[in-house]
C-alpha atoms as a PDB file:
ATOM      1  CA  MET A   1     -13.087  27.210   1.627  1.00  0.00           C
ATOM      2  CA  LYS A   2     -10.721  29.935  -0.358  1.00  0.00           C
ATOM      3  CA  GLN A   3     -11.405  29.395  -4.109  1.00  0.00           C
ATOM      4  CA  GLY A   4      -8.773  28.880  -6.449  1.00  0.00           C
ATOM      5  CA  ILE A   5      -6.035  27.663  -3.874  1.00  0.00           C
ATOM      6  CA  HIS A   6      -7.275  23.876  -3.915  1.00  0.00           C
ATOM      7  CA  PRO A   7      -6.140  21.387  -6.419  1.00  0.00           C
ATOM      8  CA  GLU A   8      -9.027  20.021  -8.459  1.00  0.00           C
ATOM      9  CA  TYR A   9     -10.435  16.810  -7.294  1.00  0.00           C
ATOM     10  CA  HIS A  10     -11.550  14.129  -9.669  1.00  0.00           C
ATOM     11  CA  LYS A  11     -11.984  10.259 -10.278  1.00  0.00           C
ATOM     12  CA  VAL A  12      -8.611   8.257 -11.312  1.00  0.00           C
ATOM     13  CA  VAL A  13      -8.030   4.839 -12.032  1.00  0.00           C
ATOM     14  CA  PHE A  14      -5.204   3.197 -10.109  1.00  0.00           C
ATOM     15  CA  ARG A  15      -3.491   0.356 -11.682  1.00  0.00           C
ATOM     16  CA  ASP A  16      -1.230  -2.271  -9.498  1.00  0.00           C
ATOM     17  CA  THR A  17       1.851  -2.595 -11.518  1.00  0.00           C
ATOM     18  CA  SER A  18       2.646  -6.272 -10.222  1.00  0.00           C
ATOM     19  CA  THR A  19      -0.557  -7.711 -10.352  1.00  0.00           C
ATOM     20  CA  GLY A  20      -2.655  -5.736 -12.985  1.00  0.00           C
ATOM     21  CA  TYR A  21      -5.347  -5.165 -10.247  1.00  0.00           C
ATOM     22  CA  GLU A  22      -7.387  -1.679 -11.039  1.00  0.00           C
ATOM     23  CA  PHE A  23      -9.834   0.276  -8.756  1.00  0.00           C
ATOM     24  CA  LEU A  24     -11.567   3.799  -9.286  1.00  0.00           C
ATOM     25  CA  SER A  25     -10.841   6.197  -6.451  1.00  0.00           C
ATOM     26  CA  GLY A  26     -11.190   9.974  -6.244  1.00  0.00           C
ATOM     27  CA  SER A  27      -7.698  11.777  -6.199  1.00  0.00           C
ATOM     28  CA  THR A  28      -6.096  15.041  -6.697  1.00  0.00           C
ATOM     29  CA  LYS A  29      -3.008  13.213  -9.037  1.00  0.00           C
ATOM     30  CA  THR A  30      -3.181  13.630 -12.950  1.00  0.00           C
ATOM     31  CA  SER A  31      -1.684  11.652 -15.458  1.00  0.00           C
ATOM     32  CA  ASN A  32      -1.511  11.536 -19.409  1.00  0.00           C
ATOM     33  CA  GLU A  33      -2.399   8.144 -19.400  1.00  0.00           C
ATOM     34  CA  THR A  34      -5.765   7.111 -19.674  1.00  0.00           C
ATOM     35  CA  VAL A  35      -8.024   4.063 -19.269  1.00  0.00           C
ATOM     36  CA  GLU A  36     -11.498   3.276 -20.374  1.00  0.00           C
ATOM     37  CA  TRP A  37     -13.473   2.190 -17.079  1.00  0.00           C
ATOM     38  CA  SER A  38     -16.366  -0.755 -16.932  1.00  0.00           C
ATOM     39  CA  ASP A  39     -18.657   2.350 -16.886  1.00  0.00           C
ATOM     40  CA  GLY A  40     -17.747   3.409 -20.217  1.00  0.00           C
ATOM     41  CA  ASN A  41     -15.958   6.773 -19.165  1.00  0.00           C
ATOM     42  CA  THR A  42     -12.374   7.472 -19.716  1.00  0.00           C
ATOM     43  CA  TYR A  43     -10.344   8.299 -16.672  1.00  0.00           C
ATOM     44  CA  PRO A  44      -6.606   9.023 -16.006  1.00  0.00           C
ATOM     45  CA  LEU A  45      -4.564   6.088 -15.312  1.00  0.00           C
ATOM     46  CA  ILE A  46      -2.115   6.093 -12.027  1.00  0.00           C
ATOM     47  CA  ARG A  47       0.313   3.086 -12.023  1.00  0.00           C
ATOM     48  CA  VAL A  48       1.401   2.075  -8.094  1.00  0.00           C
ATOM     49  CA  GLU A  49       4.031  -0.393  -7.280  1.00  0.00           C
ATOM     50  CA  ILE A  50       1.789  -1.855  -4.184  1.00  0.00           C
ATOM     51  CA  SER A  51      -2.022  -2.150  -3.601  1.00  0.00           C
ATOM     52  CA  SER A  52      -4.218  -4.172  -1.471  1.00  0.00           C
ATOM     53  CA  ASP A  53      -3.936  -6.687  -4.039  1.00  0.00           C
ATOM     54  CA  SER A  54       0.091  -7.233  -3.828  1.00  0.00           C
ATOM     55  CA  HIS A  55       0.807  -5.865  -0.196  1.00  0.00           C
ATOM     56  CA  PRO A  56       1.996  -8.899   2.031  1.00  0.00           C
ATOM     57  CA  PHE A  57      -0.355  -7.598   4.806  1.00  0.00           C
ATOM     58  CA  TYR A  58      -3.651  -7.921   2.647  1.00  0.00           C
ATOM     59  CA  THR A  59      -2.618 -11.207   0.995  1.00  0.00           C
ATOM     60  CA  GLY A  60      -1.839 -13.252   4.216  1.00  0.00           C
ATOM     61  CA  LYS A  61       2.156 -13.665   2.772  1.00  0.00           C
ATOM     62  CA  GLN A  62       3.288 -11.579   5.809  1.00  0.00           C
ATOM     63  CA  LYS A  63       6.041 -12.977   7.591  1.00  0.00           C
ATOM     64  CA  PHE A  64       6.534 -12.266  11.399  1.00  0.00           C
ATOM     65  CA  ALA A  65      10.089 -12.085  13.136  1.00  0.00           C
ATOM     66  CA  GLN A  66      10.420 -13.878  16.404  1.00  0.00           C
ATOM     67  CA  ALA A  67      10.163 -10.634  18.827  1.00  0.00           C
ATOM     68  CA  ASP A  68      12.135 -11.940  22.079  1.00  0.00           C
ATOM     69  CA  GLY A  69      11.192  -9.976  25.394  1.00  0.00           C
ATOM     70  CA  ARG A  70      13.613  -7.944  27.113  1.00  0.00           C
ATOM     71  CA  ILE A  71      14.767 -10.620  29.556  1.00  0.00           C
ATOM     72  CA  ASP A  72      15.423 -13.021  26.632  1.00  0.00           C
ATOM     73  CA  ARG A  73      17.728 -10.895  24.705  1.00  0.00           C
ATOM     74  CA  PHE A  74      19.576  -9.959  28.166  1.00  0.00           C
ATOM     75  CA  ASN A  75      19.901 -13.883  28.646  1.00  0.00           C
ATOM     76  CA  LYS A  76      21.106 -14.393  25.451  1.00  0.00           C
ATOM     77  CA  LYS A  77      23.439 -11.619  25.368  1.00  0.00           C
ATOM     78  CA  TYR A  78      25.099 -12.792  28.684  1.00  0.00           C
ATOM     79  CA  GLY A  79      24.945 -16.611  27.845  1.00  0.00           C
ATOM     80  CA  LEU A  80      22.560 -16.879  30.800  1.00  0.00           C
ATOM     81  CA  SER A  81      20.058 -19.880  30.489  1.00  0.00           C
ATOM     82  CA  GLU A  82      16.446 -20.305  32.496  1.00  0.00           C
ATOM     83  CA  GLU A  83      18.068 -23.574  34.122  1.00  0.00           C
ATOM     84  CA  GLU A  84      20.413 -21.972  35.946  1.00  0.00           C
END
């Protein structure tokens, strides 16, 4: 790798603003805010709107839309029923 062209990679704490869930991860992002982690070290704090703690896919609260097939959509569009 070339020297001096890559951003600094360091540990950062991400906090989900909707649930308060925090996790420590590596990132190139920086922040003026800091937080003390459970290991006693201080890390930059990055606030995120959605994480695996609040995203519907991971929480099991995802809503699935009924996906009709092509034939069903055609029949609905032209008012045809399967009984005819």
